Amino acid sequence: MLCGKELIIATKPFAKEIRSKSWFHLLTTISLLGFAFAGIIFIPFLVLRIACSLLAGLLLIRMFIIYHDHQHHSILHKSVLADGIMTLFGIYILAPTSIWKRSHDHHHKHNSKLFSANIGSYPIATKSKYLKMSATERFSYLAVRHPLTIGLGYFTMFLAGMCIGAFVSSPRKHADALLAFILHIAASVCIFIWCGWLTWFLVFFFPFLLAFALGAYLFYAQHNFPGVTFCNNEDWAYDKAALESSSYMTMNPVMAWFTGNIGYHHIHHLNARIPFYRLPEVMKHFPELQTCKKTSLSLKDIIACFRLKLWDQDNLKMIGLKEL
């Protein structure tokens, strides 16, 4: 059984894209997204328009995973055309490249550390630290991790965090964040005025709302689930953080396709250069990766993930407020 650096090295042969496959996944996803938006605009039946709006929201999630892989340089690296497409998509999806890559790379390098900056991840407080917090600090901490905050990721995580927050923190580095925000608001107003509220809702608002809600939850549950472990910075190890602090989220084949296999999150954190379409292949190849910590999109597991609030250093587990 391989472990540690040996296991990471063993996955390197899979960290090679099949360029034709990468282009296929990118172009088919963009085409399907275009058809979904066309259906919303041109199909005369409301039920079918709603179905197309739902499809568009799910396709935005898939496209975001493709964008996410490109930012990791696991697919279409050094392609001028792909770079252009992804730069535009990053602005469209309110996660421009300057802020997304910086924050997400930080997340990969510091995932599961208890005492590091909460850049690119949800904050984790220990039980002892929480008990020392003021009422205002406790409210702020719990508000960030609240299901409503995560469900409204469109506003909280992307408009406020990725765009406004990023630009305010560093205007020179994140000018594209301000551009994304301005273009988004302008497009929203124009579509509402020219096309009416219903088309605005189905083409613009609902797909973003759905994509960001599910995306924010996936990001939360992949590192906040029963059985997750956190450790002090000095005890941290990259492979341990990947396999013990990142979940395998089981999904049916349809949702696995829409989410770009991001459920294989422990493998992704072990080697971020593995293309999303090769993650199931890696899982099958290594028995070491099959005995992983799991969660799912079932209501029971969603509730179980949301109830976790604090890291109990005495018992080495996440606990809810009732266990205080």
C-alpha atoms as a PDB file:
ATOM      1  CA  MET A   1       0.000   0.000   0.000  1.00  0.00           C
ATOM      2  CA  LEU A   2       1.463   3.318  -1.106  1.00  0.00           C
ATOM      3  CA  CYS A   3       1.325   6.387   1.123  1.00  0.00           C
ATOM      4  CA  GLY A   4       2.724   9.885   1.406  1.00  0.00           C
ATOM      5  CA  LYS A   5       5.039  11.100  -1.330  1.00  0.00           C
ATOM      6  CA  GLU A   6       5.165   7.637  -2.895  1.00  0.00           C
ATOM      7  CA  LEU A   7       1.438   7.774  -3.569  1.00  0.00           C
ATOM      8  CA  ILE A   8       1.644  11.286  -5.007  1.00  0.00           C
ATOM      9  CA  ILE A   9       4.490  10.231  -7.309  1.00  0.00           C
ATOM     10  CA  ALA A  10       2.538   7.152  -8.389  1.00  0.00           C
ATOM     11  CA  THR A  11      -0.333   9.355  -9.604  1.00  0.00           C
ATOM     12  CA  LYS A  12       1.903  11.434 -11.873  1.00  0.00           C
ATOM     13  CA  PRO A  13       1.336   9.283 -15.003  1.00  0.00           C
ATOM     14  CA  PHE A  14      -2.353  10.230 -14.743  1.00  0.00           C
ATOM     15  CA  ALA A  15      -1.540  13.940 -14.539  1.00  0.00           C
ATOM     16  CA  LYS A  16      -1.376  14.135 -18.305  1.00  0.00           C
ATOM     17  CA  GLU A  17      -4.275  15.426 -20.295  1.00  0.00           C
ATOM     18  CA  ILE A  18      -5.551  14.004 -23.545  1.00  0.00           C
ATOM     19  CA  ARG A  19      -5.672  17.297 -25.439  1.00  0.00           C
ATOM     20  CA  SER A  20      -8.432  16.212 -27.845  1.00  0.00           C
ATOM     21  CA  LYS A  21     -10.536  15.071 -24.886  1.00  0.00           C
ATOM     22  CA  SER A  22     -10.016  18.378 -23.083  1.00  0.00           C
ATOM     23  CA  TRP A  23     -11.177  20.332 -26.129  1.00  0.00           C
ATOM     24  CA  PHE A  24     -14.132  17.976 -26.569  1.00  0.00           C
ATOM     25  CA  HIS A  25     -15.333  18.524 -22.999  1.00  0.00           C
ATOM     26  CA  LEU A  26     -14.854  22.289 -23.238  1.00  0.00           C
ATOM     27  CA  LEU A  27     -16.544  22.783 -26.610  1.00  0.00           C
ATOM     28  CA  THR A  28     -19.463  20.414 -25.949  1.00  0.00           C
ATOM     29  CA  THR A  29     -20.166  22.096 -22.597  1.00  0.00           C
ATOM     30  CA  ILE A  30     -20.100  25.570 -24.161  1.00  0.00           C
ATOM     31  CA  SER A  31     -22.353  24.360 -27.002  1.00  0.00           C
ATOM     32  CA  LEU A  32     -24.862  22.771 -24.625  1.00  0.00           C
ATOM     33  CA  LEU A  33     -24.870  25.948 -22.557  1.00  0.00           C
ATOM     34  CA  GLY A  34     -25.610  27.943 -25.703  1.00  0.00           C
ATOM     35  CA  PHE A  35     -28.482  25.609 -26.626  1.00  0.00           C
ATOM     36  CA  ALA A  36     -29.908  25.895 -23.100  1.00  0.00           C
ATOM     37  CA  PHE A  37     -29.925  29.702 -23.256  1.00  0.00           C
ATOM     38  CA  ALA A  38     -31.410  29.592 -26.769  1.00  0.00           C
ATOM     39  CA  GLY A  39     -34.159  27.307 -25.485  1.00  0.00           C
ATOM     40  CA  ILE A  40     -35.034  29.771 -22.724  1.00  0.00           C
ATOM     41  CA  ILE A  41     -35.327  32.608 -25.239  1.00  0.00           C
ATOM     42  CA  PHE A  42     -37.019  30.930 -28.189  1.00  0.00           C
ATOM     43  CA  ILE A  43     -39.121  28.027 -26.837  1.00  0.00           C
ATOM     44  CA  PRO A  44     -42.708  29.262 -26.348  1.00  0.00           C
ATOM     45  CA  PHE A  45     -43.644  26.828 -23.543  1.00  0.00           C
ATOM     46  CA  LEU A  46     -42.923  27.997 -19.992  1.00  0.00           C
ATOM     47  CA  VAL A  47     -42.305  24.510 -18.576  1.00  0.00           C
ATOM     48  CA  LEU A  48     -39.623  23.829 -21.185  1.00  0.00           C
ATOM     49  CA  ARG A  49     -38.095  27.262 -20.624  1.00  0.00           C
ATOM     50  CA  ILE A  50     -37.829  26.512 -16.896  1.00  0.00           C
ATOM     51  CA  ALA A  51     -36.221  23.153 -17.715  1.00  0.00           C
ATOM     52  CA  CYS A  52     -33.686  24.917 -19.948  1.00  0.00           C
ATOM     53  CA  SER A  53     -32.950  27.409 -17.157  1.00  0.00           C
ATOM     54  CA  LEU A  54     -32.299  24.547 -14.743  1.00  0.00           C
ATOM     55  CA  LEU A  55     -30.074  22.874 -17.342  1.00  0.00           C
ATOM     56  CA  ALA A  56     -28.155  26.121 -17.849  1.00  0.00           C
ATOM     57  CA  GLY A  57     -27.475  26.380 -14.110  1.00  0.00           C
ATOM     58  CA  LEU A  58     -26.112  22.831 -13.969  1.00  0.00           C
ATOM     59  CA  LEU A  59     -24.002  23.388 -17.087  1.00  0.00           C
ATOM     60  CA  LEU A  60     -22.495  26.495 -15.495  1.00  0.00           C
ATOM     61  CA  ILE A  61     -21.238  24.263 -12.687  1.00  0.00           C
ATOM     62  CA  ARG A  62     -19.650  21.868 -15.200  1.00  0.00           C
ATOM     63  CA  MET A  63     -18.097  24.754 -17.094  1.00  0.00           C
ATOM     64  CA  PHE A  64     -16.743  26.165 -13.845  1.00  0.00           C
ATOM     65  CA  ILE A  65     -14.997  22.847 -13.099  1.00  0.00           C
ATOM     66  CA  ILE A  66     -13.412  22.945 -16.551  1.00  0.00           C
ATOM     67  CA  TYR A  67     -12.310  26.520 -15.837  1.00  0.00           C
ATOM     68  CA  HIS A  68     -11.027  25.397 -12.431  1.00  0.00           C
ATOM     69  CA  ASP A  69      -8.939  22.631 -14.048  1.00  0.00           C
ATOM     70  CA  HIS A  70      -7.514  25.058 -16.571  1.00  0.00           C
ATOM     71  CA  GLN A  71      -6.433  27.335 -13.725  1.00  0.00           C
ATOM     72  CA  HIS A  72      -4.603  24.359 -12.191  1.00  0.00           C
ATOM     73  CA  HIS A  73      -2.836  23.890 -15.574  1.00  0.00           C
ATOM     74  CA  SER A  74      -4.204  20.356 -15.754  1.00  0.00           C
ATOM     75  CA  ILE A  75      -5.946  20.931 -19.098  1.00  0.00           C
ATOM     76  CA  LEU A  76      -5.317  23.097 -22.166  1.00  0.00           C
ATOM     77  CA  HIS A  77      -2.218  24.676 -20.647  1.00  0.00           C
ATOM     78  CA  LYS A  78      -0.342  27.110 -22.918  1.00  0.00           C
ATOM     79  CA  SER A  79      -3.218  27.266 -25.405  1.00  0.00           C
ATOM     80  CA  VAL A  80      -3.765  30.899 -26.395  1.00  0.00           C
ATOM     81  CA  LEU A  81      -7.328  30.169 -27.499  1.00  0.00           C
ATOM     82  CA  ALA A  82      -8.160  28.333 -24.275  1.00  0.00           C
ATOM     83  CA  ASP A  83      -6.584  31.122 -22.207  1.00  0.00           C
ATOM     84  CA  GLY A  84      -8.817  33.648 -23.947  1.00  0.00           C
ATOM     85  CA  ILE A  85     -11.963  31.563 -23.462  1.00  0.00           C
ATOM     86  CA  MET A  86     -11.203  30.937 -19.794  1.00  0.00           C
ATOM     87  CA  THR A  87     -10.354  34.574 -19.080  1.00  0.00           C
ATOM     88  CA  LEU A  88     -13.720  35.632 -20.487  1.00  0.00           C
ATOM     89  CA  PHE A  89     -15.527  32.862 -18.620  1.00  0.00           C
ATOM     90  CA  GLY A  90     -13.835  33.832 -15.358  1.00  0.00           C
ATOM     91  CA  ILE A  91     -15.194  37.361 -15.739  1.00  0.00           C
ATOM     92  CA  TYR A  92     -18.621  36.012 -16.718  1.00  0.00           C
ATOM     93  CA  ILE A  93     -18.802  33.630 -13.749  1.00  0.00           C
ATOM     94  CA  LEU A  94     -17.651  36.342 -11.285  1.00  0.00           C
ATOM     95  CA  ALA A  95     -14.404  34.523 -10.463  1.00  0.00           C
ATOM     96  CA  PRO A  96     -11.787  36.344 -12.566  1.00  0.00           C
ATOM     97  CA  THR A  97      -8.452  34.642 -12.942  1.00  0.00           C
ATOM     98  CA  SER A  98      -6.458  37.025 -10.739  1.00  0.00           C
ATOM     99  CA  ILE A  99      -8.471  36.332  -7.574  1.00  0.00           C
ATOM    100  CA  TRP A 100      -9.605  32.770  -8.269  1.00  0.00           C
ATOM    101  CA  LYS A 101      -6.146  31.339  -8.935  1.00  0.00           C
ATOM    102  CA  ARG A 102      -4.523  33.164  -6.014  1.00  0.00           C
ATOM    103  CA  SER A 103      -7.168  32.170  -3.479  1.00  0.00           C
ATOM    104  CA  HIS A 104      -7.580  28.624  -4.747  1.00  0.00           C
ATOM    105  CA  ASP A 105      -3.847  27.912  -4.869  1.00  0.00           C
ATOM    106  CA  HIS A 106      -3.636  29.136  -1.274  1.00  0.00           C
ATOM    107  CA  HIS A 107      -6.457  26.780  -0.357  1.00  0.00           C
ATOM    108  CA  HIS A 108      -4.595  23.795  -1.799  1.00  0.00           C
ATOM    109  CA  LYS A 109      -1.383  24.686   0.023  1.00  0.00           C
ATOM    110  CA  HIS A 110      -3.054  25.250   3.394  1.00  0.00           C
ATOM    111  CA  ASN A 111      -6.166  23.030   3.394  1.00  0.00           C
ATOM    112  CA  SER A 112      -6.982  21.722   6.910  1.00  0.00           C
ATOM    113  CA  LYS A 113      -4.477  23.937   8.742  1.00  0.00           C
ATOM    114  CA  LEU A 114      -6.100  25.301  11.886  1.00  0.00           C
ATOM    115  CA  PHE A 115      -4.064  28.466  12.188  1.00  0.00           C
ATOM    116  CA  SER A 116      -3.640  29.921   8.732  1.00  0.00           C
ATOM    117  CA  ALA A 117      -5.435  32.686   6.864  1.00  0.00           C
ATOM    118  CA  ASN A 118      -8.893  31.666   5.688  1.00  0.00           C
ATOM    119  CA  ILE A 119      -8.177  32.530   2.072  1.00  0.00           C
ATOM    120  CA  GLY A 120     -10.167  30.474  -0.394  1.00  0.00           C
ATOM    121  CA  SER A 121     -11.938  28.417   2.272  1.00  0.00           C
ATOM    122  CA  TYR A 122     -14.513  28.615   5.045  1.00  0.00           C
ATOM    123  CA  PRO A 123     -13.104  29.595   8.466  1.00  0.00           C
ATOM    124  CA  ILE A 124     -12.553  26.933  11.127  1.00  0.00           C
ATOM    125  CA  ALA A 125     -12.446  27.838  14.812  1.00  0.00           C
ATOM    126  CA  THR A 126     -11.454  25.497  17.593  1.00  0.00           C
ATOM    127  CA  LYS A 127     -13.802  24.915  20.492  1.00  0.00           C
ATOM    128  CA  SER A 128     -11.472  26.730  22.889  1.00  0.00           C
ATOM    129  CA  LYS A 129     -11.082  29.713  20.579  1.00  0.00           C
ATOM    130  CA  TYR A 130     -14.846  29.977  20.062  1.00  0.00           C
ATOM    131  CA  LEU A 131     -15.475  30.034  23.810  1.00  0.00           C
ATOM    132  CA  LYS A 132     -13.124  33.022  24.094  1.00  0.00           C
ATOM    133  CA  MET A 133     -14.828  34.974  21.286  1.00  0.00           C
ATOM    134  CA  SER A 134     -17.038  37.981  21.926  1.00  0.00           C
ATOM    135  CA  ALA A 135     -20.719  37.792  20.968  1.00  0.00           C
ATOM    136  CA  THR A 136     -20.001  39.820  17.826  1.00  0.00           C
ATOM    137  CA  GLU A 137     -17.121  37.541  16.801  1.00  0.00           C
ATOM    138  CA  ARG A 138     -19.251  34.438  17.330  1.00  0.00           C
ATOM    139  CA  PHE A 139     -22.060  35.887  15.237  1.00  0.00           C
ATOM    140  CA  SER A 140     -19.664  36.782  12.435  1.00  0.00           C
ATOM    141  CA  TYR A 141     -18.044  33.344  12.467  1.00  0.00           C
ATOM    142  CA  LEU A 142     -21.327  31.435  12.450  1.00  0.00           C
ATOM    143  CA  ALA A 143     -22.837  33.738   9.814  1.00  0.00           C
ATOM    144  CA  VAL A 144     -20.099  32.868   7.303  1.00  0.00           C
ATOM    145  CA  ARG A 145     -20.761  29.143   7.780  1.00  0.00           C
ATOM    146  CA  HIS A 146     -24.556  29.447   7.884  1.00  0.00           C
ATOM    147  CA  PRO A 147     -26.557  27.414   5.303  1.00  0.00           C
ATOM    148  CA  LEU A 148     -28.280  30.603   4.106  1.00  0.00           C
ATOM    149  CA  THR A 149     -24.929  32.286   3.474  1.00  0.00           C
ATOM    150  CA  ILE A 150     -23.750  29.271   1.493  1.00  0.00           C
ATOM    151  CA  GLY A 151     -27.057  28.925  -0.364  1.00  0.00           C
ATOM    152  CA  LEU A 152     -26.814  32.583  -1.366  1.00  0.00           C
ATOM    153  CA  GLY A 153     -23.264  32.120  -2.603  1.00  0.00           C
ATOM    154  CA  TYR A 154     -24.176  34.180  -5.678  1.00  0.00           C
ATOM    155  CA  PHE A 155     -24.218  37.286  -3.474  1.00  0.00           C
ATOM    156  CA  THR A 156     -21.964  36.322  -0.553  1.00  0.00           C
ATOM    157  CA  MET A 157     -19.147  34.318  -2.101  1.00  0.00           C
ATOM    158  CA  PHE A 158     -18.990  35.696  -5.632  1.00  0.00           C
ATOM    159  CA  LEU A 159     -20.419  39.227  -5.926  1.00  0.00           C
ATOM    160  CA  ALA A 160     -19.272  40.330  -2.460  1.00  0.00           C
ATOM    161  CA  GLY A 161     -16.208  38.115  -1.988  1.00  0.00           C
ATOM    162  CA  MET A 162     -14.662  37.374  -5.370  1.00  0.00           C
ATOM    163  CA  CYS A 163     -15.511  40.743  -6.907  1.00  0.00           C
ATOM    164  CA  ILE A 164     -16.011  43.572  -4.407  1.00  0.00           C
ATOM    165  CA  GLY A 165     -13.835  42.150  -1.643  1.00  0.00           C
ATOM    166  CA  ALA A 166     -11.005  41.240  -3.998  1.00  0.00           C
ATOM    167  CA  PHE A 167     -10.920  44.663  -5.632  1.00  0.00           C
ATOM    168  CA  VAL A 168     -11.084  46.560  -2.342  1.00  0.00           C
ATOM    169  CA  SER A 169      -8.229  44.458  -0.906  1.00  0.00           C
ATOM    170  CA  SER A 170      -5.944  45.096  -3.885  1.00  0.00           C
ATOM    171  CA  PRO A 171      -7.261  47.351  -6.679  1.00  0.00           C
ATOM    172  CA  ARG A 172      -4.167  46.998  -8.845  1.00  0.00           C
ATOM    173  CA  LYS A 173      -3.985  43.206  -8.672  1.00  0.00           C
ATOM    174  CA  HIS A 174      -7.703  42.634  -9.052  1.00  0.00           C
ATOM    175  CA  ALA A 175      -8.929  45.208 -11.547  1.00  0.00           C
ATOM    176  CA  ASP A 176     -10.597  42.334 -13.406  1.00  0.00           C
ATOM    177  CA  ALA A 177     -12.769  41.744 -10.323  1.00  0.00           C
ATOM    178  CA  LEU A 178     -14.218  45.250 -10.612  1.00  0.00           C
ATOM    179  CA  LEU A 179     -14.672  44.736 -14.357  1.00  0.00           C
ATOM    180  CA  ALA A 180     -16.553  41.488 -13.741  1.00  0.00           C
ATOM    181  CA  PHE A 181     -18.837  43.190 -11.212  1.00  0.00           C
ATOM    182  CA  ILE A 182     -19.624  46.182 -13.457  1.00  0.00           C
ATOM    183  CA  LEU A 183     -20.285  44.036 -16.534  1.00  0.00           C
ATOM    184  CA  HIS A 184     -22.477  41.664 -14.516  1.00  0.00           C
ATOM    185  CA  ILE A 185     -24.672  44.422 -13.111  1.00  0.00           C
ATOM    186  CA  ALA A 186     -24.868  46.164 -16.500  1.00  0.00           C
ATOM    187  CA  ALA A 187     -25.883  42.925 -18.249  1.00  0.00           C
ATOM    188  CA  SER A 188     -28.492  42.227 -15.578  1.00  0.00           C
ATOM    189  CA  VAL A 189     -30.078  45.674 -15.963  1.00  0.00           C
ATOM    190  CA  CYS A 190     -30.058  45.529 -19.777  1.00  0.00           C
ATOM    191  CA  ILE A 191     -31.631  42.064 -19.942  1.00  0.00           C
ATOM    192  CA  PHE A 192     -34.298  43.091 -17.425  1.00  0.00           C
ATOM    193  CA  ILE A 193     -35.201  46.239 -19.351  1.00  0.00           C
ATOM    194  CA  TRP A 194     -35.075  44.825 -22.876  1.00  0.00           C
ATOM    195  CA  CYS A 195     -36.358  41.286 -22.322  1.00  0.00           C
ATOM    196  CA  GLY A 196     -38.676  41.557 -19.314  1.00  0.00           C
ATOM    197  CA  TRP A 197     -38.487  40.107 -15.844  1.00  0.00           C
ATOM    198  CA  LEU A 198     -39.331  36.504 -16.797  1.00  0.00           C
ATOM    199  CA  THR A 199     -36.582  36.150 -19.397  1.00  0.00           C
ATOM    200  CA  TRP A 200     -34.189  37.960 -17.042  1.00  0.00           C
ATOM    201  CA  PHE A 201     -35.049  35.498 -14.286  1.00  0.00           C
ATOM    202  CA  LEU A 202     -34.673  32.390 -16.465  1.00  0.00           C
ATOM    203  CA  VAL A 203     -31.649  33.448 -18.539  1.00  0.00           C
ATOM    204  CA  PHE A 204     -29.726  35.410 -15.956  1.00  0.00           C
ATOM    205  CA  PHE A 205     -30.737  35.213 -12.311  1.00  0.00           C
ATOM    206  CA  PHE A 206     -31.817  31.607 -11.750  1.00  0.00           C
ATOM    207  CA  PRO A 207     -28.872  29.878 -13.513  1.00  0.00           C
ATOM    208  CA  PHE A 208     -26.395  31.955 -11.503  1.00  0.00           C
ATOM    209  CA  LEU A 209     -28.324  31.439  -8.269  1.00  0.00           C
ATOM    210  CA  LEU A 210     -28.425  27.656  -8.753  1.00  0.00           C
ATOM    211  CA  ALA A 211     -24.828  27.286  -9.935  1.00  0.00           C
ATOM    212  CA  PHE A 212     -23.376  29.373  -7.124  1.00  0.00           C
ATOM    213  CA  ALA A 213     -25.547  27.762  -4.436  1.00  0.00           C
ATOM    214  CA  LEU A 214     -24.529  24.237  -5.401  1.00  0.00           C
ATOM    215  CA  GLY A 215     -20.951  25.288  -6.072  1.00  0.00           C
ATOM    216  CA  ALA A 216     -20.607  26.981  -2.685  1.00  0.00           C
ATOM    217  CA  TYR A 217     -22.082  23.936  -0.946  1.00  0.00           C
ATOM    218  CA  LEU A 218     -19.761  21.536  -2.779  1.00  0.00           C
ATOM    219  CA  PHE A 219     -16.786  23.627  -1.706  1.00  0.00           C
ATOM    220  CA  TYR A 220     -18.058  23.663   1.875  1.00  0.00           C
ATOM    221  CA  ALA A 221     -18.925  19.959   2.189  1.00  0.00           C
ATOM    222  CA  GLN A 222     -15.679  18.797   0.591  1.00  0.00           C
ATOM    223  CA  HIS A 223     -13.830  20.003   3.700  1.00  0.00           C
ATOM    224  CA  ASN A 224     -16.587  20.136   6.332  1.00  0.00           C
ATOM    225  CA  PHE A 225     -18.014  16.657   6.769  1.00  0.00           C
ATOM    226  CA  PRO A 226     -18.290  14.059   9.555  1.00  0.00           C
ATOM    227  CA  GLY A 227     -14.869  12.455   9.950  1.00  0.00           C
ATOM    228  CA  VAL A 228     -12.840  15.371   8.586  1.00  0.00           C
ATOM    229  CA  THR A 229      -9.591  16.111  10.404  1.00  0.00           C
ATOM    230  CA  PHE A 230      -7.744  19.362  11.029  1.00  0.00           C
ATOM    231  CA  CYS A 231      -4.304  19.826  12.533  1.00  0.00           C
ATOM    232  CA  ASN A 232      -1.863  22.388  13.837  1.00  0.00           C
ATOM    233  CA  ASN A 233       0.329  23.979  11.196  1.00  0.00           C
ATOM    234  CA  GLU A 234       3.491  22.243  12.384  1.00  0.00           C
ATOM    235  CA  ASP A 235       1.841  18.798  12.077  1.00  0.00           C
ATOM    236  CA  TRP A 236       0.454  19.471   8.604  1.00  0.00           C
ATOM    237  CA  ALA A 237       1.359  17.287   5.619  1.00  0.00           C
ATOM    238  CA  TYR A 238       0.117  17.705   2.051  1.00  0.00           C
ATOM    239  CA  ASP A 239      -0.882  14.068   1.471  1.00  0.00           C
ATOM    240  CA  LYS A 240      -2.547  13.823   4.879  1.00  0.00           C
ATOM    241  CA  ALA A 241      -4.584  16.966   4.180  1.00  0.00           C
ATOM    242  CA  ALA A 242      -5.710  15.505   0.859  1.00  0.00           C
ATOM    243  CA  LEU A 243      -6.751  12.071   2.111  1.00  0.00           C
ATOM    244  CA  GLU A 244      -8.040  12.894   5.597  1.00  0.00           C
ATOM    245  CA  SER A 245      -9.414  16.401   5.153  1.00  0.00           C
ATOM    246  CA  SER A 246     -11.000  16.136   1.705  1.00  0.00           C
ATOM    247  CA  SER A 247     -14.072  14.040   0.993  1.00  0.00           C
ATOM    248  CA  TYR A 248     -15.167  11.659  -1.703  1.00  0.00           C
ATOM    249  CA  MET A 249     -18.687  12.836  -2.494  1.00  0.00           C
ATOM    250  CA  THR A 250     -20.634   9.962  -3.996  1.00  0.00           C
ATOM    251  CA  MET A 251     -23.007  10.980  -6.796  1.00  0.00           C
ATOM    252  CA  ASN A 252     -25.111   9.384  -9.479  1.00  0.00           C
ATOM    253  CA  PRO A 253     -23.572   9.457 -12.988  1.00  0.00           C
ATOM    254  CA  VAL A 254     -25.674  12.450 -14.067  1.00  0.00           C
ATOM    255  CA  MET A 255     -24.596  14.685 -11.193  1.00  0.00           C
ATOM    256  CA  ALA A 256     -21.021  13.421 -11.480  1.00  0.00           C
ATOM    257  CA  TRP A 257     -21.058  14.636 -15.100  1.00  0.00           C
ATOM    258  CA  PHE A 258     -22.565  18.036 -14.264  1.00  0.00           C
ATOM    259  CA  THR A 259     -20.075  18.552 -11.420  1.00  0.00           C
ATOM    260  CA  GLY A 260     -17.084  17.460 -13.496  1.00  0.00           C
ATOM    261  CA  ASN A 261     -16.126  14.631 -11.101  1.00  0.00           C
ATOM    262  CA  ILE A 262     -15.266  17.174  -8.413  1.00  0.00           C
ATOM    263  CA  GLY A 263     -16.678  14.658  -5.930  1.00  0.00           C
ATOM    264  CA  TYR A 264     -13.337  12.823  -6.194  1.00  0.00           C
ATOM    265  CA  HIS A 265     -11.989  15.668  -4.142  1.00  0.00           C
ATOM    266  CA  HIS A 266      -9.449  13.700  -2.124  1.00  0.00           C
ATOM    267  CA  ILE A 267      -7.737  12.682  -5.368  1.00  0.00           C
ATOM    268  CA  HIS A 268      -7.894  16.219  -6.720  1.00  0.00           C
ATOM    269  CA  HIS A 269      -6.150  17.519  -3.595  1.00  0.00           C
ATOM    270  CA  LEU A 270      -3.572  14.759  -3.750  1.00  0.00           C
ATOM    271  CA  ASN A 271      -2.597  15.778  -7.287  1.00  0.00           C
ATOM    272  CA  ALA A 272      -4.328  18.843  -8.742  1.00  0.00           C
ATOM    273  CA  ARG A 273      -2.702  18.275 -12.133  1.00  0.00           C
ATOM    274  CA  ILE A 274      -4.903  15.248 -12.857  1.00  0.00           C
ATOM    275  CA  PRO A 275      -7.608  16.278 -15.389  1.00  0.00           C
ATOM    276  CA  PHE A 276     -11.158  16.008 -14.078  1.00  0.00           C
ATOM    277  CA  TYR A 277     -12.073  13.338 -16.624  1.00  0.00           C
ATOM    278  CA  ARG A 278      -9.266  11.039 -15.365  1.00  0.00           C
ATOM    279  CA  LEU A 279     -10.178  11.141 -11.662  1.00  0.00           C
ATOM    280  CA  PRO A 280     -12.463   8.031 -11.777  1.00  0.00           C
ATOM    281  CA  GLU A 281      -9.650   6.180 -13.568  1.00  0.00           C
ATOM    282  CA  VAL A 282      -7.229   7.044 -10.749  1.00  0.00           C
ATOM    283  CA  MET A 283      -9.748   5.932  -8.125  1.00  0.00           C
ATOM    284  CA  LYS A 284     -10.053   2.517  -9.759  1.00  0.00           C
ATOM    285  CA  HIS A 285      -6.292   2.119 -10.125  1.00  0.00           C
ATOM    286  CA  PHE A 286      -5.287   2.767  -6.512  1.00  0.00           C
ATOM    287  CA  PRO A 287      -6.872   0.725  -3.679  1.00  0.00           C
ATOM    288  CA  GLU A 288      -5.337   3.285  -1.274  1.00  0.00           C
ATOM    289  CA  LEU A 289      -7.744   5.908  -2.578  1.00  0.00           C
ATOM    290  CA  GLN A 290     -10.848   3.752  -2.249  1.00  0.00           C
ATOM    291  CA  THR A 291     -10.858   3.644   1.565  1.00  0.00           C
ATOM    292  CA  CYS A 292     -11.693   7.323   1.801  1.00  0.00           C
ATOM    293  CA  LYS A 293     -14.002   9.498   3.851  1.00  0.00           C
ATOM    294  CA  LYS A 294     -17.352   9.914   2.131  1.00  0.00           C
ATOM    295  CA  THR A 295     -20.332  12.200   2.004  1.00  0.00           C
ATOM    296  CA  SER A 296     -23.105  12.713  -0.553  1.00  0.00           C
ATOM    297  CA  LEU A 297     -25.823  15.068  -1.746  1.00  0.00           C
ATOM    298  CA  SER A 298     -28.505  13.245   0.235  1.00  0.00           C
ATOM    299  CA  LEU A 299     -30.549  15.401   2.614  1.00  0.00           C
ATOM    300  CA  LYS A 300     -29.238  13.412   5.584  1.00  0.00           C
ATOM    301  CA  ASP A 301     -25.609  14.080   4.670  1.00  0.00           C
ATOM    302  CA  ILE A 302     -26.265  17.739   3.851  1.00  0.00           C
ATOM    303  CA  ILE A 303     -27.781  18.270   7.314  1.00  0.00           C
ATOM    304  CA  ALA A 304     -24.873  16.377   8.903  1.00  0.00           C
ATOM    305  CA  CYS A 305     -22.351  18.640   7.167  1.00  0.00           C
ATOM    306  CA  PHE A 306     -24.173  21.860   8.001  1.00  0.00           C
ATOM    307  CA  ARG A 307     -24.422  21.077  11.716  1.00  0.00           C
ATOM    308  CA  LEU A 308     -20.631  20.979  12.068  1.00  0.00           C
ATOM    309  CA  LYS A 309     -19.323  24.269  13.447  1.00  0.00           C
ATOM    310  CA  LEU A 310     -16.157  23.825  15.543  1.00  0.00           C
ATOM    311  CA  TRP A 311     -13.036  21.698  15.781  1.00  0.00           C
ATOM    312  CA  ASP A 312     -12.820  19.923  19.145  1.00  0.00           C
ATOM    313  CA  GLN A 313      -9.068  19.564  19.742  1.00  0.00           C
ATOM    314  CA  ASP A 314      -9.604  17.296  22.728  1.00  0.00           C
ATOM    315  CA  ASN A 315     -11.622  14.685  20.841  1.00  0.00           C
ATOM    316  CA  LEU A 316     -10.157  15.426  17.386  1.00  0.00           C
ATOM    317  CA  LYS A 317     -13.446  15.890  15.588  1.00  0.00           C
ATOM    318  CA  MET A 318     -15.838  18.530  14.301  1.00  0.00           C
ATOM    319  CA  ILE A 319     -18.786  19.229  16.560  1.00  0.00           C
ATOM    320  CA  GLY A 320     -22.034  21.185  16.513  1.00  0.00           C
ATOM    321  CA  LEU A 321     -23.011  23.945  18.887  1.00  0.00           C
ATOM    322  CA  LYS A 322     -25.185  21.558  20.914  1.00  0.00           C
ATOM    323  CA  GLU A 323     -22.060  19.600  21.865  1.00  0.00           C
ATOM    324  CA  LEU A 324     -20.532  22.635  23.589  1.00  0.00           C
END
